[in-house]
């Protein structure tokens, strides 16, 4: 960790090295990079003719879809909890 409070590490995503910098823990940044790598690898295995840029975009779309679905479920759970709290 540097004096600016940011963690820095190098990760490999889909065969390329990337230098990450952020306030999140090193383990969190590794987990995120691993998720992106796993998603890209999965998409590449099912679509061997796609180039890296298309694999990256499809991975981003899939991860965004996961995020929005989870956010919707979270909001629905919050609504249920608020309704239960009201009586």
Protein backbone atom coordinates (compact mmCIF):
# COMPACT_ATOMS: atom_id res chain seq x y z
CA UNK A 1 0.00 0.00 0.00
CA UNK A 2 1.24 3.47 -0.87
CA UNK A 3 1.03 6.66 1.20
CA UNK A 4 -2.16 7.68 -0.62
CA UNK A 5 -4.16 4.88 1.03
CA UNK A 6 -4.67 2.99 -2.21
CA UNK A 7 -3.85 -0.64 -2.82
CA UNK A 8 -2.08 -1.58 -6.03
CA UNK A 9 -1.70 -4.98 -7.60
CA UNK A 10 -1.21 -6.65 -10.94
CA UNK A 11 -3.80 -9.19 -12.05
CA UNK A 12 -4.18 -11.34 -15.13
CA UNK A 13 -7.48 -11.21 -16.96
CA UNK A 14 -7.92 -13.35 -20.05
CA UNK A 15 -4.18 -13.63 -20.60
CA UNK A 16 -3.42 -9.93 -20.18
CA UNK A 17 -1.76 -8.19 -17.23
CA UNK A 18 -3.60 -5.25 -15.67
CA UNK A 19 -2.44 -2.96 -12.89
CA UNK A 20 -5.30 -2.21 -10.50
CA UNK A 21 -5.34 0.65 -8.03
CA UNK A 22 -8.08 1.34 -5.51
CA UNK A 23 -9.16 1.69 -1.92
CA UNK A 24 -10.74 -1.77 -1.84
CA UNK A 25 -8.80 -4.56 -0.19
CA UNK A 26 -6.34 -6.53 -2.28
CA UNK A 27 -8.43 -9.67 -1.76
CA UNK A 28 -11.54 -7.87 -3.02
CA UNK A 29 -9.75 -6.58 -6.11
CA UNK A 30 -8.43 -10.10 -6.82
CA UNK A 31 -11.94 -11.51 -6.41
CA UNK A 32 -13.37 -8.96 -8.86
CA UNK A 33 -10.60 -9.58 -11.40
CA UNK A 34 -11.12 -13.32 -11.01
CA UNK A 35 -14.84 -12.94 -11.68
CA UNK A 36 -14.17 -10.96 -14.86
CA UNK A 37 -11.58 -13.52 -15.97
CA UNK A 38 -13.97 -16.42 -15.26
CA UNK A 39 -16.79 -14.74 -17.19
CA UNK A 40 -14.57 -14.02 -20.19
CA UNK A 41 -13.24 -17.58 -20.17
CA UNK A 42 -16.78 -18.99 -20.00
CA UNK A 43 -17.98 -16.87 -22.90
CA UNK A 44 -14.87 -17.70 -24.97
CA UNK A 45 -15.41 -21.43 -24.42
CA UNK A 46 -18.97 -21.20 -25.72
CA UNK A 47 -18.08 -18.83 -28.59
CA UNK A 48 -14.60 -19.78 -29.85
CA UNK A 49 -14.78 -17.57 -32.95
CA UNK A 50 -15.22 -14.30 -31.06
CA UNK A 51 -12.34 -11.88 -30.73
CA UNK A 52 -11.21 -10.54 -27.36
CA UNK A 53 -13.08 -7.24 -27.69
CA UNK A 54 -16.40 -8.99 -28.31
CA UNK A 55 -15.74 -11.41 -25.46
CA UNK A 56 -15.06 -8.45 -23.17
CA UNK A 57 -18.25 -6.64 -24.20
CA UNK A 58 -20.39 -9.76 -23.81
CA UNK A 59 -18.81 -10.35 -20.41
CA UNK A 60 -19.63 -6.79 -19.37
CA UNK A 61 -23.23 -7.25 -20.53
CA UNK A 62 -23.54 -10.52 -18.60
CA UNK A 63 -22.04 -9.02 -15.44
CA UNK A 64 -24.30 -5.96 -15.74
CA UNK A 65 -27.30 -8.28 -16.12
CA UNK A 66 -26.28 -10.15 -12.96
CA UNK A 67 -25.91 -6.84 -11.13
CA UNK A 68 -29.32 -5.48 -12.16
CA UNK A 69 -31.08 -8.75 -11.31
CA UNK A 70 -29.46 -8.82 -7.88
CA UNK A 71 -30.27 -5.15 -7.31
CA UNK A 72 -33.92 -5.78 -8.20
CA UNK A 73 -34.06 -8.75 -5.80
CA UNK A 74 -32.45 -6.63 -3.09
CA UNK A 75 -34.97 -3.83 -3.57
CA UNK A 76 -37.86 -6.32 -3.45
CA UNK A 77 -36.49 -7.78 -0.22
CA UNK A 78 -36.13 -4.31 1.29
CA UNK A 79 -39.74 -3.55 0.35
CA UNK A 80 -40.91 -6.77 2.02
CA UNK A 81 -38.93 -5.97 5.16
CA UNK A 82 -40.38 -2.47 5.29
CA UNK A 83 -43.91 -3.86 4.88
CA UNK A 84 -43.28 -6.36 7.70
CA UNK A 85 -41.93 -3.60 9.94
CA UNK A 86 -45.11 -1.54 9.41
CA UNK A 87 -47.21 -4.34 10.68
